[in-house]
Amino acid sequence: MSAAPNSRSFLKRYGWVLAGLLITVLVVVLLAPAASSDPDGLDRVAEDKEFVHKGKDPAYEWLPDYTIPGIDDERVSVILSGLIGVGIVFGVTLGLAAAVRASRRART
């Protein structure tokens, strides 16, 4: 007779989630400060094709240039803004997963 899925320990149920979160945090802490400050993506194309002057600044920025205003140490600021981003994505993902799980339970 097998045990119900909910009787497994927390780590057995969510260990992979915690491992992924830990790896993500380590990547942010170790690699984010080493990221290049050169323009990338659309900024680079806009400079190369010489239409960067047509762009408009956003009306509001939460974390401008991956920094936190008021924190003078650039390395700490970049790490903290990266961790905030990881937290936001993790929270949204958990919320969506909970909504899907609740929806599935309501159908059965």
PDB file of N, CA and C in Angstrom:
ATOM      1  N   MET A   1       0.849  -1.172   0.000  1.00  0.00           N
ATOM      2  CA  MET A   1       0.000   0.000   0.000  1.00  0.00           C
ATOM      3  C   MET A   1       0.898   1.240   0.000  1.00  0.00           C
ATOM      4  N   SER A   2       0.717   2.111  -0.954  1.00  0.00           N
ATOM      5  CA  SER A   2       1.575   3.289  -1.045  1.00  0.00           C
ATOM      6  C   SER A   2       0.981   4.457  -0.267  1.00  0.00           C
ATOM      7  N   ALA A   3       1.855   5.319   0.174  1.00  0.00           N
ATOM      8  CA  ALA A   3       1.428   6.484   0.954  1.00  0.00           C
ATOM      9  C   ALA A   3       0.834   7.530   0.023  1.00  0.00           C
ATOM     10  N   ALA A   4      -0.035   8.333   0.559  1.00  0.00           N
ATOM     11  CA  ALA A   4      -0.626   9.415  -0.224  1.00  0.00           C
ATOM     12  C   ALA A   4       0.454  10.417  -0.599  1.00  0.00           C
ATOM     13  N   PRO A   5       0.330  11.070  -1.772  1.00  0.00           N
ATOM     14  CA  PRO A   5       1.368  12.005  -2.211  1.00  0.00           C
ATOM     15  C   PRO A   5       1.626  13.133  -1.217  1.00  0.00           C
ATOM     16  N   ASN A   6       0.632  13.552  -0.481  1.00  0.00           N
ATOM     17  CA  ASN A   6       0.797  14.664   0.451  1.00  0.00           C
ATOM     18  C   ASN A   6       1.532  14.257   1.728  1.00  0.00           C
ATOM     19  N   SER A   7       1.740  12.949   1.932  1.00  0.00           N
ATOM     20  CA  SER A   7       2.413  12.521   3.155  1.00  0.00           C
ATOM     21  C   SER A   7       3.936  12.557   3.008  1.00  0.00           C
ATOM     22  N   ARG A   8       4.441  12.829   1.814  1.00  0.00           N
ATOM     23  CA  ARG A   8       5.885  12.937   1.627  1.00  0.00           C
ATOM     24  C   ARG A   8       6.410  14.176   2.333  1.00  0.00           C
ATOM     25  N   SER A   9       7.681  14.148   2.690  1.00  0.00           N
ATOM     26  CA  SER A   9       8.270  15.280   3.395  1.00  0.00           C
ATOM     27  C   SER A   9       8.340  16.510   2.482  1.00  0.00           C
ATOM     28  N   PHE A  10       8.450  17.648   3.109  1.00  0.00           N
ATOM     29  CA  PHE A  10       8.519  18.909   2.366  1.00  0.00           C
ATOM     30  C   PHE A  10       9.678  18.898   1.375  1.00  0.00           C
ATOM     31  N   LEU A  11      10.856  18.443   1.826  1.00  0.00           N
ATOM     32  CA  LEU A  11      12.032  18.433   0.951  1.00  0.00           C
ATOM     33  C   LEU A  11      11.869  17.469  -0.214  1.00  0.00           C
ATOM     34  N   LYS A  12      11.209  16.341   0.010  1.00  0.00           N
ATOM     35  CA  LYS A  12      10.997  15.407  -1.099  1.00  0.00           C
ATOM     36  C   LYS A  12      10.006  15.981  -2.106  1.00  0.00           C
ATOM     37  N   ARG A  13       9.060  16.744  -1.632  1.00  0.00           N
ATOM     38  CA  ARG A  13       8.066  17.331  -2.540  1.00  0.00           C
ATOM     39  C   ARG A  13       8.602  18.554  -3.260  1.00  0.00           C
ATOM     40  N   TYR A  14       9.366  19.386  -2.568  1.00  0.00           N
ATOM     41  CA  TYR A  14       9.772  20.666  -3.139  1.00  0.00           C
ATOM     42  C   TYR A  14      11.285  20.866  -3.198  1.00  0.00           C
ATOM     43  N   GLY A  15      12.044  19.810  -3.023  1.00  0.00           N
ATOM     44  CA  GLY A  15      13.491  19.909  -3.047  1.00  0.00           C
ATOM     45  C   GLY A  15      14.030  20.452  -4.353  1.00  0.00           C
ATOM     46  N   TRP A  16      13.432  20.028  -5.466  1.00  0.00           N
ATOM     47  CA  TRP A  16      13.891  20.510  -6.776  1.00  0.00           C
ATOM     48  C   TRP A  16      13.610  21.998  -6.936  1.00  0.00           C
ATOM     49  N   VAL A  17      12.533  22.481  -6.358  1.00  0.00           N
ATOM     50  CA  VAL A  17      12.213  23.917  -6.427  1.00  0.00           C
ATOM     51  C   VAL A  17      13.244  24.702  -5.615  1.00  0.00           C
ATOM     52  N   LEU A  18      13.527  24.220  -4.421  1.00  0.00           N
ATOM     53  CA  LEU A  18      14.509  24.890  -3.578  1.00  0.00           C
ATOM     54  C   LEU A  18      15.904  24.852  -4.194  1.00  0.00           C
ATOM     55  N   ALA A  19      16.259  23.722  -4.827  1.00  0.00           N
ATOM     56  CA  ALA A  19      17.559  23.618  -5.487  1.00  0.00           C
ATOM     57  C   ALA A  19      17.647  24.614  -6.649  1.00  0.00           C
ATOM     58  N   GLY A  20      16.594  24.717  -7.428  1.00  0.00           N
ATOM     59  CA  GLY A  20      16.573  25.667  -8.537  1.00  0.00           C
ATOM     60  C   GLY A  20      16.659  27.098  -8.056  1.00  0.00           C
ATOM     61  N   LEU A  21      15.960  27.405  -6.982  1.00  0.00           N
ATOM     62  CA  LEU A  21      16.009  28.753  -6.415  1.00  0.00           C
ATOM     63  C   LEU A  21      17.408  29.063  -5.891  1.00  0.00           C
ATOM     64  N   LEU A  22      18.029  28.106  -5.229  1.00  0.00           N
ATOM     65  CA  LEU A  22      19.383  28.296  -4.709  1.00  0.00           C
ATOM     66  C   LEU A  22      20.380  28.517  -5.848  1.00  0.00           C
ATOM     67  N   ILE A  23      20.276  27.727  -6.905  1.00  0.00           N
ATOM     68  CA  ILE A  23      21.175  27.892  -8.058  1.00  0.00           C
ATOM     69  C   ILE A  23      20.975  29.267  -8.684  1.00  0.00           C
ATOM     70  N   THR A  24      19.732  29.700  -8.813  1.00  0.00           N
ATOM     71  CA  THR A  24      19.439  31.005  -9.396  1.00  0.00           C
ATOM     72  C   THR A  24      20.031  32.124  -8.551  1.00  0.00           C
ATOM     73  N   VAL A  25      19.878  32.032  -7.249  1.00  0.00           N
ATOM     74  CA  VAL A  25      20.435  33.048  -6.345  1.00  0.00           C
ATOM     75  C   VAL A  25      21.958  33.071  -6.452  1.00  0.00           C
ATOM     76  N   LEU A  26      22.577  31.905  -6.513  1.00  0.00           N
ATOM     77  CA  LEU A  26      24.034  31.858  -6.656  1.00  0.00           C
ATOM     78  C   LEU A  26      24.496  32.478  -7.968  1.00  0.00           C
ATOM     79  N   VAL A  27      23.777  32.217  -9.043  1.00  0.00           N
ATOM     80  CA  VAL A  27      24.123  32.818 -10.340  1.00  0.00           C
ATOM     81  C   VAL A  27      24.034  34.336 -10.256  1.00  0.00           C
ATOM     82  N   VAL A  28      22.976  34.844  -9.639  1.00  0.00           N
ATOM     83  CA  VAL A  28      22.822  36.296  -9.511  1.00  0.00           C
ATOM     84  C   VAL A  28      23.964  36.882  -8.681  1.00  0.00           C
ATOM     85  N   VAL A  29      24.238  36.282  -7.555  1.00  0.00           N
ATOM     86  CA  VAL A  29      25.261  36.818  -6.651  1.00  0.00           C
ATOM     87  C   VAL A  29      26.650  36.755  -7.277  1.00  0.00           C
ATOM     88  N   LEU A  30      26.958  35.653  -7.950  1.00  0.00           N
ATOM     89  CA  LEU A  30      28.301  35.476  -8.484  1.00  0.00           C
ATOM     90  C   LEU A  30      28.512  36.096  -9.867  1.00  0.00           C
ATOM     91  N   LEU A  31      27.495  36.072 -10.726  1.00  0.00           N
ATOM     92  CA  LEU A  31      27.701  36.489 -12.110  1.00  0.00           C
ATOM     93  C   LEU A  31      27.128  37.859 -12.468  1.00  0.00           C
ATOM     94  N   ALA A  32      26.095  38.298 -11.788  1.00  0.00           N
ATOM     95  CA  ALA A  32      25.487  39.585 -12.151  1.00  0.00           C
ATOM     96  C   ALA A  32      26.478  40.745 -12.090  1.00  0.00           C
ATOM     97  N   PRO A  33      27.327  40.826 -11.075  1.00  0.00           N
ATOM     98  CA  PRO A  33      28.279  41.945 -11.047  1.00  0.00           C
ATOM     99  C   PRO A  33      29.294  41.903 -12.195  1.00  0.00           C
ATOM    100  N   ALA A  34      29.485  40.738 -12.802  1.00  0.00           N
ATOM    101  CA  ALA A  34      30.450  40.610 -13.890  1.00  0.00           C
ATOM    102  C   ALA A  34      29.834  40.881 -15.259  1.00  0.00           C
ATOM    103  N   ALA A  35      28.550  41.164 -15.315  1.00  0.00           N
ATOM    104  CA  ALA A  35      27.882  41.403 -16.594  1.00  0.00           C
ATOM    105  C   ALA A  35      28.459  42.642 -17.277  1.00  0.00           C
ATOM    106  N   SER A  36      28.492  42.590 -18.572  1.00  0.00           N
ATOM    107  CA  SER A  36      29.040  43.689 -19.355  1.00  0.00           C
ATOM    108  C   SER A  36      28.124  44.910 -19.288  1.00  0.00           C
ATOM    109  N   SER A  37      28.713  46.076 -19.238  1.00  0.00           N
ATOM    110  CA  SER A  37      27.914  47.306 -19.240  1.00  0.00           C
ATOM    111  C   SER A  37      27.700  47.816 -20.662  1.00  0.00           C
ATOM    112  N   ASP A  38      28.252  47.109 -21.656  1.00  0.00           N
ATOM    113  CA  ASP A  38      28.024  47.481 -23.049  1.00  0.00           C
ATOM    114  C   ASP A  38      26.558  47.273 -23.400  1.00  0.00           C
ATOM    115  N   PRO A  39      26.019  48.089 -24.316  1.00  0.00           N
ATOM    116  CA  PRO A  39      24.619  47.916 -24.693  1.00  0.00           C
ATOM    117  C   PRO A  39      24.381  46.549 -25.334  1.00  0.00           C
ATOM    118  N   ASP A  40      23.215  45.990 -25.081  1.00  0.00           N
ATOM    119  CA  ASP A  40      22.877  44.701 -25.654  1.00  0.00           C
ATOM    120  C   ASP A  40      21.485  44.750 -26.272  1.00  0.00           C
ATOM    121  N   GLY A  41      21.124  43.730 -26.988  1.00  0.00           N
ATOM    122  CA  GLY A  41      19.788  43.613 -27.547  1.00  0.00           C
ATOM    123  C   GLY A  41      19.402  44.792 -28.413  1.00  0.00           C
ATOM    124  N   LEU A  42      18.233  45.322 -28.139  1.00  0.00           N
ATOM    125  CA  LEU A  42      17.704  46.430 -28.948  1.00  0.00           C
ATOM    126  C   LEU A  42      18.547  47.689 -28.818  1.00  0.00           C
ATOM    127  N   ASP A  43      19.138  47.912 -27.659  1.00  0.00           N
ATOM    128  CA  ASP A  43      19.997  49.093 -27.502  1.00  0.00           C
ATOM    129  C   ASP A  43      21.164  49.034 -28.484  1.00  0.00           C
ATOM    130  N   ARG A  44      21.751  47.863 -28.620  1.00  0.00           N
ATOM    131  CA  ARG A  44      22.888  47.703 -29.529  1.00  0.00           C
ATOM    132  C   ARG A  44      22.468  47.905 -30.983  1.00  0.00           C
ATOM    133  N   VAL A  45      21.336  47.327 -31.365  1.00  0.00           N
ATOM    134  CA  VAL A  45      20.832  47.482 -32.731  1.00  0.00           C
ATOM    135  C   VAL A  45      20.516  48.944 -33.003  1.00  0.00           C
ATOM    136  N   ALA A  46      19.890  49.619 -32.034  1.00  0.00           N
ATOM    137  CA  ALA A  46      19.554  51.031 -32.203  1.00  0.00           C
ATOM    138  C   ALA A  46      20.803  51.869 -32.414  1.00  0.00           C
ATOM    139  N   GLU A  47      21.875  51.558 -31.701  1.00  0.00           N
ATOM    140  CA  GLU A  47      23.132  52.286 -31.890  1.00  0.00           C
ATOM    141  C   GLU A  47      23.759  51.953 -33.241  1.00  0.00           C
ATOM    142  N   ASP A  48      23.773  50.660 -33.590  1.00  0.00           N
ATOM    143  CA  ASP A  48      24.386  50.246 -34.853  1.00  0.00           C
ATOM    144  C   ASP A  48      23.656  50.827 -36.063  1.00  0.00           C
ATOM    145  N   LYS A  49      22.336  50.879 -35.999  1.00  0.00           N
ATOM    146  CA  LYS A  49      21.527  51.372 -37.121  1.00  0.00           C
ATOM    147  C   LYS A  49      21.226  52.865 -37.006  1.00  0.00           C
ATOM    148  N   GLU A  50      21.778  53.487 -35.978  1.00  0.00           N
ATOM    149  CA  GLU A  50      21.714  54.928 -35.768  1.00  0.00           C
ATOM    150  C   GLU A  50      20.294  55.498 -35.633  1.00  0.00           C
ATOM    151  N   PHE A  51      19.446  54.782 -34.897  1.00  0.00           N
ATOM    152  CA  PHE A  51      18.130  55.342 -34.576  1.00  0.00           C
ATOM    153  C   PHE A  51      17.895  55.405 -33.071  1.00  0.00           C
ATOM    154  N   VAL A  52      18.977  55.353 -32.314  1.00  0.00           N
ATOM    155  CA  VAL A  52      18.868  55.392 -30.862  1.00  0.00           C
ATOM    156  C   VAL A  52      18.263  56.715 -30.377  1.00  0.00           C
ATOM    157  N   HIS A  53      18.460  57.786 -31.105  1.00  0.00           N
ATOM    158  CA  HIS A  53      17.935  59.100 -30.707  1.00  0.00           C
ATOM    159  C   HIS A  53      16.413  59.175 -30.788  1.00  0.00           C
ATOM    160  N   LYS A  54      15.777  58.245 -31.490  1.00  0.00           N
ATOM    161  CA  LYS A  54      14.318  58.254 -31.631  1.00  0.00           C
ATOM    162  C   LYS A  54      13.614  57.592 -30.441  1.00  0.00           C
ATOM    163  N   GLY A  55      14.361  56.909 -29.634  1.00  0.00           N
ATOM    164  CA  GLY A  55      13.772  56.218 -28.490  1.00  0.00           C
ATOM    165  C   GLY A  55      13.342  57.183 -27.399  1.00  0.00           C
ATOM    166  N   LYS A  56      12.359  56.771 -26.645  1.00  0.00           N
ATOM    167  CA  LYS A  56      11.860  57.571 -25.526  1.00  0.00           C
ATOM    168  C   LYS A  56      12.190  56.843 -24.223  1.00  0.00           C
ATOM    169  N   ASP A  57      12.493  57.616 -23.200  1.00  0.00           N
ATOM    170  CA  ASP A  57      12.719  57.029 -21.886  1.00  0.00           C
ATOM    171  C   ASP A  57      11.389  56.565 -21.305  1.00  0.00           C
ATOM    172  N   PRO A  58      11.411  55.503 -20.515  1.00  0.00           N
ATOM    173  CA  PRO A  58      10.167  55.050 -19.888  1.00  0.00           C
ATOM    174  C   PRO A  58       9.654  56.091 -18.895  1.00  0.00           C
ATOM    175  N   ALA A  59       8.353  56.102 -18.709  1.00  0.00           N
ATOM    176  CA  ALA A  59       7.743  57.048 -17.773  1.00  0.00           C
ATOM    177  C   ALA A  59       8.181  56.745 -16.340  1.00  0.00           C
ATOM    178  N   TYR A  60       8.413  55.475 -16.050  1.00  0.00           N
ATOM    179  CA  TYR A  60       8.804  55.079 -14.698  1.00  0.00           C
ATOM    180  C   TYR A  60       9.640  53.808 -14.785  1.00  0.00           C
ATOM    181  N   GLU A  61      10.672  53.713 -13.957  1.00  0.00           N
ATOM    182  CA  GLU A  61      11.505  52.518 -13.894  1.00  0.00           C
ATOM    183  C   GLU A  61      11.584  52.044 -12.452  1.00  0.00           C
ATOM    184  N   TRP A  62      11.345  50.765 -12.231  1.00  0.00           N
ATOM    185  CA  TRP A  62      11.448  50.208 -10.891  1.00  0.00           C
ATOM    186  C   TRP A  62      12.895  50.040 -10.491  1.00  0.00           C
ATOM    187  N   LEU A  63      13.682  49.465 -11.375  1.00  0.00           N
ATOM    188  CA  LEU A  63      15.095  49.213 -11.110  1.00  0.00           C
ATOM    189  C   LEU A  63      15.902  49.701 -12.319  1.00  0.00           C
ATOM    190  N   PRO A  64      16.140  51.008 -12.404  1.00  0.00           N
ATOM    191  CA  PRO A  64      16.811  51.558 -13.587  1.00  0.00           C
ATOM    192  C   PRO A  64      18.214  50.984 -13.771  1.00  0.00           C
ATOM    193  N   ASP A  65      18.471  50.470 -14.955  1.00  0.00           N
ATOM    194  CA  ASP A  65      19.776  49.877 -15.296  1.00  0.00           C
ATOM    195  C   ASP A  65      20.213  48.822 -14.289  1.00  0.00           C
ATOM    196  N   TYR A  66      19.241  48.041 -13.802  1.00  0.00           N
ATOM    197  CA  TYR A  66      19.514  46.943 -12.870  1.00  0.00           C
ATOM    198  C   TYR A  66      20.216  47.430 -11.600  1.00  0.00           C
ATOM    199  N   THR A  67      19.824  48.588 -11.120  1.00  0.00           N
ATOM    200  CA  THR A  67      20.378  49.123  -9.881  1.00  0.00           C
ATOM    201  C   THR A  67      19.236  49.578  -8.977  1.00  0.00           C
ATOM    202  N   ILE A  68      19.587  49.857  -7.739  1.00  0.00           N
ATOM    203  CA  ILE A  68      18.611  50.380  -6.789  1.00  0.00           C
ATOM    204  C   ILE A  68      19.055  51.790  -6.425  1.00  0.00           C
ATOM    205  N   PRO A  69      18.242  52.785  -6.765  1.00  0.00           N
ATOM    206  CA  PRO A  69      18.614  54.158  -6.421  1.00  0.00           C
ATOM    207  C   PRO A  69      18.826  54.304  -4.914  1.00  0.00           C
ATOM    208  N   GLY A  70      19.877  55.022  -4.562  1.00  0.00           N
ATOM    209  CA  GLY A  70      20.182  55.257  -3.154  1.00  0.00           C
ATOM    210  C   GLY A  70      21.252  54.345  -2.604  1.00  0.00           C
ATOM    211  N   ILE A  71      21.571  53.273  -3.327  1.00  0.00           N
ATOM    212  CA  ILE A  71      22.649  52.383  -2.896  1.00  0.00           C
ATOM    213  C   ILE A  71      23.863  52.731  -3.743  1.00  0.00           C
ATOM    214  N   ASP A  72      24.894  53.244  -3.088  1.00  0.00           N
ATOM    215  CA  ASP A  72      26.067  53.747  -3.805  1.00  0.00           C
ATOM    216  C   ASP A  72      26.998  52.656  -4.304  1.00  0.00           C
ATOM    217  N   ASP A  73      27.062  51.531  -3.635  1.00  0.00           N
ATOM    218  CA  ASP A  73      27.934  50.431  -4.064  1.00  0.00           C
ATOM    219  C   ASP A  73      27.267  49.722  -5.246  1.00  0.00           C
ATOM    220  N   GLU A  74      27.849  49.906  -6.439  1.00  0.00           N
ATOM    221  CA  GLU A  74      27.225  49.371  -7.661  1.00  0.00           C
ATOM    222  C   GLU A  74      27.074  47.853  -7.613  1.00  0.00           C
ATOM    223  N   ARG A  75      28.075  47.175  -7.086  1.00  0.00           N
ATOM    224  CA  ARG A  75      28.026  45.710  -7.028  1.00  0.00           C
ATOM    225  C   ARG A  75      26.864  45.236  -6.153  1.00  0.00           C
ATOM    226  N   VAL A  76      26.720  45.816  -4.989  1.00  0.00           N
ATOM    227  CA  VAL A  76      25.630  45.455  -4.071  1.00  0.00           C
ATOM    228  C   VAL A  76      24.284  45.797  -4.694  1.00  0.00           C
ATOM    229  N   SER A  77      24.211  46.955  -5.344  1.00  0.00           N
ATOM    230  CA  SER A  77      22.972  47.391  -5.971  1.00  0.00           C
ATOM    231  C   SER A  77      22.530  46.435  -7.079  1.00  0.00           C
ATOM    232  N   VAL A  78      23.474  45.998  -7.908  1.00  0.00           N
ATOM    233  CA  VAL A  78      23.151  45.065  -8.990  1.00  0.00           C
ATOM    234  C   VAL A  78      22.707  43.716  -8.420  1.00  0.00           C
ATOM    235  N   ILE A  79      23.401  43.235  -7.402  1.00  0.00           N
ATOM    236  CA  ILE A  79      23.021  41.957  -6.786  1.00  0.00           C
ATOM    237  C   ILE A  79      21.628  42.052  -6.177  1.00  0.00           C
ATOM    238  N   LEU A  80      21.357  43.108  -5.437  1.00  0.00           N
ATOM    239  CA  LEU A  80      20.037  43.256  -4.813  1.00  0.00           C
ATOM    240  C   LEU A  80      18.927  43.378  -5.843  1.00  0.00           C
ATOM    241  N   SER A  81      19.169  44.137  -6.909  1.00  0.00           N
ATOM    242  CA  SER A  81      18.132  44.265  -7.936  1.00  0.00           C
ATOM    243  C   SER A  81      17.906  42.923  -8.629  1.00  0.00           C
ATOM    244  N   GLY A  82      18.970  42.140  -8.826  1.00  0.00           N
ATOM    245  CA  GLY A  82      18.812  40.806  -9.393  1.00  0.00           C
ATOM    246  C   GLY A  82      18.018  39.895  -8.484  1.00  0.00           C
ATOM    247  N   LEU A  83      18.288  39.968  -7.191  1.00  0.00           N
ATOM    248  CA  LEU A  83      17.547  39.149  -6.232  1.00  0.00           C
ATOM    249  C   LEU A  83      16.083  39.565  -6.154  1.00  0.00           C
ATOM    250  N   ILE A  84      15.820  40.851  -6.272  1.00  0.00           N
ATOM    251  CA  ILE A  84      14.425  41.319  -6.314  1.00  0.00           C
ATOM    252  C   ILE A  84      13.728  40.749  -7.545  1.00  0.00           C
ATOM    253  N   GLY A  85      14.413  40.777  -8.678  1.00  0.00           N
ATOM    254  CA  GLY A  85      13.842  40.207  -9.901  1.00  0.00           C
ATOM    255  C   GLY A  85      13.564  38.721  -9.762  1.00  0.00           C
ATOM    256  N   VAL A  86      14.492  37.982  -9.173  1.00  0.00           N
ATOM    257  CA  VAL A  86      14.298  36.547  -8.946  1.00  0.00           C
ATOM    258  C   VAL A  86      13.093  36.338  -8.035  1.00  0.00           C
ATOM    259  N   GLY A  87      12.990  37.145  -6.990  1.00  0.00           N
ATOM    260  CA  GLY A  87      11.857  37.027  -6.072  1.00  0.00           C
ATOM    261  C   GLY A  87      10.522  37.296  -6.752  1.00  0.00           C
ATOM    262  N   ILE A  88      10.483  38.293  -7.618  1.00  0.00           N
ATOM    263  CA  ILE A  88       9.240  38.610  -8.338  1.00  0.00           C
ATOM    264  C   ILE A  88       8.845  37.451  -9.256  1.00  0.00           C
ATOM    265  N   VAL A  89       9.800  36.960 -10.030  1.00  0.00           N
ATOM    266  CA  VAL A  89       9.508  35.849 -10.946  1.00  0.00           C
ATOM    267  C   VAL A  89       9.096  34.603 -10.166  1.00  0.00           C
ATOM    268  N   PHE A  90       9.789  34.313  -9.074  1.00  0.00           N
ATOM    269  CA  PHE A  90       9.461  33.153  -8.254  1.00  0.00           C
ATOM    270  C   PHE A  90       8.053  33.287  -7.671  1.00  0.00           C
ATOM    271  N   GLY A  91       7.731  34.470  -7.164  1.00  0.00           N
ATOM    272  CA  GLY A  91       6.404  34.695  -6.588  1.00  0.00           C
ATOM    273  C   GLY A  91       5.287  34.569  -7.611  1.00  0.00           C
ATOM    274  N   VAL A  92       5.495  35.135  -8.788  1.00  0.00           N
ATOM    275  CA  VAL A  92       4.486  35.029  -9.849  1.00  0.00           C
ATOM    276  C   VAL A  92       4.308  33.572 -10.268  1.00  0.00           C
ATOM    277  N   THR A  93       5.417  32.848 -10.381  1.00  0.00           N
ATOM    278  CA  THR A  93       5.350  31.435 -10.755  1.00  0.00           C
ATOM    279  C   THR A  93       4.601  30.627  -9.701  1.00  0.00           C
ATOM    280  N   LEU A  94       4.888  30.863  -8.438  1.00  0.00           N
ATOM    281  CA  LEU A  94       4.162  30.164  -7.370  1.00  0.00           C
ATOM    282  C   LEU A  94       2.671  30.504  -7.403  1.00  0.00           C
ATOM    283  N   GLY A  95       2.365  31.764  -7.646  1.00  0.00           N
ATOM    284  CA  GLY A  95       0.964  32.170  -7.722  1.00  0.00           C
ATOM    285  C   GLY A  95       0.229  31.489  -8.868  1.00  0.00           C
ATOM    286  N   LEU A  96       0.878  31.432 -10.035  1.00  0.00           N
ATOM    287  CA  LEU A  96       0.255  30.756 -11.173  1.00  0.00           C
ATOM    288  C   LEU A  96       0.097  29.265 -10.909  1.00  0.00           C
ATOM    289  N   ALA A  97       1.100  28.650 -10.311  1.00  0.00           N
ATOM    290  CA  ALA A  97       1.009  27.224  -9.983  1.00  0.00           C
ATOM    291  C   ALA A  97      -0.124  26.961  -9.000  1.00  0.00           C
ATOM    292  N   ALA A  98      -0.280  27.817  -8.005  1.00  0.00           N
ATOM    293  CA  ALA A  98      -1.362  27.657  -7.034  1.00  0.00           C
ATOM    294  C   ALA A  98      -2.719  27.820  -7.706  1.00  0.00           C
ATOM    295  N   ALA A  99      -2.812  28.764  -8.640  1.00  0.00           N
ATOM    296  CA  ALA A  99      -4.076  28.974  -9.355  1.00  0.00           C
ATOM    297  C   ALA A  99      -4.421  27.754 -10.217  1.00  0.00           C
ATOM    298  N   VAL A 100      -3.433  27.196 -10.889  1.00  0.00           N
ATOM    299  CA  VAL A 100      -3.674  26.008 -11.714  1.00  0.00           C
ATOM    300  C   VAL A 100      -4.072  24.834 -10.832  1.00  0.00           C
ATOM    301  N   ARG A 101      -3.373  24.658  -9.723  1.00  0.00           N
ATOM    302  CA  ARG A 101      -3.702  23.559  -8.808  1.00  0.00           C
ATOM    303  C   ARG A 101      -5.123  23.719  -8.259  1.00  0.00           C
ATOM    304  N   ALA A 102      -5.501  24.913  -7.878  1.00  0.00           N
ATOM    305  CA  ALA A 102      -6.857  25.151  -7.357  1.00  0.00           C
ATOM    306  C   ALA A 102      -7.899  24.891  -8.441  1.00  0.00           C
ATOM    307  N   SER A 103      -7.591  25.281  -9.659  1.00  0.00           N
ATOM    308  CA  SER A 103      -8.506  25.054 -10.771  1.00  0.00           C
ATOM    309  C   SER A 103      -8.704  23.566 -11.030  1.00  0.00           C
ATOM    310  N   ARG A 104      -7.623  22.816 -10.983  1.00  0.00           N
ATOM    311  CA  ARG A 104      -7.720  21.359 -11.191  1.00  0.00           C
ATOM    312  C   ARG A 104      -8.496  20.682 -10.073  1.00  0.00           C
ATOM    313  N   ARG A 105      -8.272  21.126  -8.843  1.00  0.00           N
ATOM    314  CA  ARG A 105      -9.008  20.535  -7.703  1.00  0.00           C
ATOM    315  C   ARG A 105     -10.488  20.856  -7.785  1.00  0.00           C
ATOM    316  N   ALA A 106     -10.820  22.055  -8.284  1.00  0.00           N
ATOM    317  CA  ALA A 106     -12.230  22.445  -8.379  1.00  0.00           C
ATOM    318  C   ALA A 106     -12.956  21.609  -9.427  1.00  0.00           C
ATOM    319  N   ARG A 107     -12.243  21.156 -10.451  1.00  0.00           N
ATOM    320  CA  ARG A 107     -12.867  20.346 -11.506  1.00  0.00           C
ATOM    321  C   ARG A 107     -13.133  18.928 -11.063  1.00  0.00           C
ATOM    322  N   THR A 108     -12.368  18.451 -10.078  1.00  0.00           N
ATOM    323  CA  THR A 108     -12.555  17.052  -9.676  1.00  0.00           C
ATOM    324  C   THR A 108     -13.437  16.910  -8.462  1.00  0.00           C
TER     325      THR A 108
END
